[in-house]
């Protein structure tokens, strides 16, 4: 039987780095002059993979978002995996926004990736959806590298990570 090479396609954020970025952003916001006397809350829910920002108005919320985004980028969190929710009014003339962290490839994106690999017509390269990951296998490493390159050139709306290359 011929040797088969494979790699896995996944996505996600390092949750500890997100926690560090939220703490750094809060520390920076509390020291800024334009936020003196204004309550700003950032709550990070590790299990749900969300960050909630609660502050006085839209302007302050966007300023807090800019600080948080800068800290996330500095900590090498993929920006494509961060989805901002709608700005919602909260009690007492305040606003709230929930930011969701994409931790897994959803089934629709996995199906699109699998179909994209089939459309590339690479020799004997196959893809298989395995929960929140896609496994790509084939007899030739060159074909797998060509599949990786084609996947990198296409915009999937999330940051793809290639691992378990064997």
Protein backbone atom coordinates (compact mmCIF):
# COMPACT_ATOMS: atom_id res chain seq x y z
CA UNK A 1 0.00 0.00 0.00
CA UNK A 2 1.31 3.45 -0.92
CA UNK A 3 2.30 5.92 1.79
CA UNK A 4 -0.27 8.69 2.33
CA UNK A 5 0.69 12.20 3.41
CA UNK A 6 -1.81 14.47 5.20
CA UNK A 7 -2.37 17.73 7.06
CA UNK A 8 -5.20 19.23 9.10
CA UNK A 9 -6.87 22.60 8.55
CA UNK A 10 -8.10 24.26 11.75
CA UNK A 11 -8.67 27.72 13.15
CA UNK A 12 -8.77 29.36 16.55
CA UNK A 13 -7.30 31.88 18.96
CA UNK A 14 -4.89 31.35 21.83
CA UNK A 15 -7.29 31.99 24.70
CA UNK A 16 -4.56 32.82 27.21
CA UNK A 17 -3.22 35.51 24.87
CA UNK A 18 -6.76 36.91 24.49
CA UNK A 19 -7.04 37.06 28.28
CA UNK A 20 -3.71 38.89 28.47
CA UNK A 21 -4.78 41.33 25.73
CA UNK A 22 -8.06 42.14 27.53
CA UNK A 23 -6.20 42.76 30.80
CA UNK A 24 -3.65 44.99 29.06
CA UNK A 25 -6.41 46.94 27.29
CA UNK A 26 -8.27 47.52 30.57
CA UNK A 27 -5.07 48.68 32.22
CA UNK A 28 -4.38 51.12 29.37
CA UNK A 29 -7.97 52.46 29.32
CA UNK A 30 -8.00 53.12 33.07
CA UNK A 31 -4.86 55.23 32.68
CA UNK A 32 -6.09 57.30 29.74
CA UNK A 33 -7.18 60.87 30.30
CA UNK A 34 -10.21 60.68 27.97
CA UNK A 35 -11.64 57.83 30.09
CA UNK A 36 -11.28 59.57 33.50
CA UNK A 37 -14.50 59.29 35.47
CA UNK A 38 -16.17 57.04 32.86
CA UNK A 39 -17.01 53.44 33.65
CA UNK A 40 -15.64 50.98 31.08
CA UNK A 41 -16.10 47.26 31.56
CA UNK A 42 -14.51 44.49 29.51
CA UNK A 43 -15.60 41.02 30.48
CA UNK A 44 -13.88 38.03 28.91
CA UNK A 45 -15.79 34.74 29.00
CA UNK A 46 -13.28 32.03 28.17
CA UNK A 47 -15.82 29.19 27.94
CA UNK A 48 -18.15 31.05 25.57
CA UNK A 49 -15.28 32.67 23.67
CA UNK A 50 -16.71 36.18 23.96
CA UNK A 51 -15.61 39.60 25.12
CA UNK A 52 -18.29 42.05 26.31
CA UNK A 53 -17.54 45.78 26.29
CA UNK A 54 -19.86 48.04 28.31
CA UNK A 55 -19.37 51.82 28.43
CA UNK A 56 -21.04 55.24 28.35
CA UNK A 57 -21.60 55.86 24.61
CA UNK A 58 -20.74 54.76 21.08
CA UNK A 59 -17.68 57.00 20.90
CA UNK A 60 -16.16 55.56 24.08
CA UNK A 61 -17.07 52.03 22.99
CA UNK A 62 -15.23 52.49 19.67
CA UNK A 63 -12.24 54.00 21.49
CA UNK A 64 -12.16 50.99 23.86
CA UNK A 65 -12.46 48.67 20.83
CA UNK A 66 -9.47 50.38 19.17
CA UNK A 67 -7.36 49.85 22.29
CA UNK A 68 -8.46 46.21 22.57
CA UNK A 69 -7.83 45.56 18.88
CA UNK A 70 -4.33 47.00 19.18
CA UNK A 71 -3.60 44.69 22.10
CA UNK A 72 -5.03 41.65 20.25
CA UNK A 73 -2.88 42.39 17.20
CA UNK A 74 0.21 42.86 19.37
CA UNK A 75 -0.46 39.44 20.90
CA UNK A 76 -0.77 37.87 17.42
CA UNK A 77 -4.46 37.00 17.68
CA UNK A 78 -5.80 36.58 14.11
CA UNK A 79 -8.07 39.56 13.39
CA UNK A 80 -10.15 37.49 10.95
CA UNK A 81 -11.27 35.32 13.89
CA UNK A 82 -12.75 38.29 15.78
CA UNK A 83 -16.40 39.07 14.99
CA UNK A 84 -17.93 42.27 16.41
CA UNK A 85 -21.59 42.14 17.31
CA UNK A 86 -24.08 44.96 17.05
CA UNK A 87 -23.90 47.87 19.47
CA UNK A 88 -26.85 47.48 21.84
CA UNK A 89 -28.30 50.02 24.25
CA UNK A 90 -27.92 49.01 27.89
CA UNK A 91 -29.43 50.45 31.05
CA UNK A 92 -28.78 54.04 32.13
CA UNK A 93 -27.84 55.54 28.74
CA UNK A 94 -24.95 53.13 28.23
CA UNK A 95 -24.08 50.79 25.37
CA UNK A 96 -22.82 47.24 25.16
CA UNK A 97 -21.17 45.18 22.44
CA UNK A 98 -20.29 41.50 22.34
CA UNK A 99 -17.24 40.34 20.44
CA UNK A 100 -17.12 36.67 19.47
CA UNK A 101 -13.91 34.69 18.96
CA UNK A 102 -14.07 32.07 16.21
CA UNK A 103 -12.55 28.90 17.64
CA UNK A 104 -13.60 26.29 15.08
CA UNK A 105 -14.36 25.92 11.39
CA UNK A 106 -18.16 25.86 10.99
CA UNK A 107 -19.73 23.17 8.82
CA UNK A 108 -20.57 25.50 5.90
CA UNK A 109 -16.98 26.76 5.66
CA UNK A 110 -15.65 23.20 5.99
CA UNK A 111 -17.88 22.12 3.09
CA UNK A 112 -16.69 25.10 1.00
CA UNK A 113 -13.04 24.23 1.76
CA UNK A 114 -13.61 20.60 0.84
CA UNK A 115 -15.34 21.56 -2.42
CA UNK A 116 -12.56 24.07 -3.21
CA UNK A 117 -9.93 21.32 -2.84
CA UNK A 118 -11.90 19.04 -5.17
CA UNK A 119 -12.23 21.88 -7.71
CA UNK A 120 -8.42 22.30 -7.79
CA UNK A 121 -8.23 18.89 -9.53
CA UNK A 122 -5.01 17.89 -7.79
CA UNK A 123 -4.03 14.26 -8.35
CA UNK A 124 -5.52 11.97 -5.71
CA UNK A 125 -5.84 14.73 -3.09
CA UNK A 126 -8.85 14.14 -0.88
CA UNK A 127 -10.42 16.13 1.93
CA UNK A 128 -12.44 14.85 4.83
CA UNK A 129 -14.41 16.90 7.37
CA UNK A 130 -13.63 15.79 10.92
CA UNK A 131 -15.71 17.81 13.37
CA UNK A 132 -14.26 21.31 13.49
CA UNK A 133 -11.26 20.48 11.27
CA UNK A 134 -10.67 19.37 7.69
CA UNK A 135 -8.09 16.66 6.94
CA UNK A 136 -6.47 16.77 3.52
CA UNK A 137 -4.58 13.70 2.35
CA UNK A 138 -2.80 12.54 -0.77
CA UNK A 139 0.17 10.46 -1.94
CA UNK A 140 2.39 13.42 -2.89
CA UNK A 141 3.68 16.19 -0.62
CA UNK A 142 3.98 18.49 -3.64
CA UNK A 143 0.24 18.16 -4.30
CA UNK A 144 -0.54 18.85 -0.63
CA UNK A 145 1.68 21.94 -0.70
CA UNK A 146 -0.12 23.11 -3.86
CA UNK A 147 -3.44 22.64 -2.02
CA UNK A 148 -2.11 24.68 0.95
CA UNK A 149 -0.98 27.47 -1.36
CA UNK A 150 -4.37 27.58 -3.11
CA UNK A 151 -6.15 27.69 0.27
CA UNK A 152 -3.91 30.55 1.49
CA UNK A 153 -4.68 32.62 -1.63
CA UNK A 154 -8.45 32.36 -1.12
CA UNK A 155 -10.30 34.45 1.50
CA UNK A 156 -12.33 32.21 3.82
CA UNK A 157 -13.37 34.87 6.33
CA UNK A 158 -11.34 33.12 9.04
CA UNK A 159 -7.64 32.51 9.60
CA UNK A 160 -6.73 28.97 8.51
CA UNK A 161 -4.05 27.07 10.42
CA UNK A 162 -2.29 24.11 8.87
CA UNK A 163 -1.03 21.45 11.26
CA UNK A 164 -0.18 17.76 11.68
CA UNK A 165 1.69 17.76 8.37
CA UNK A 166 2.89 14.19 7.95
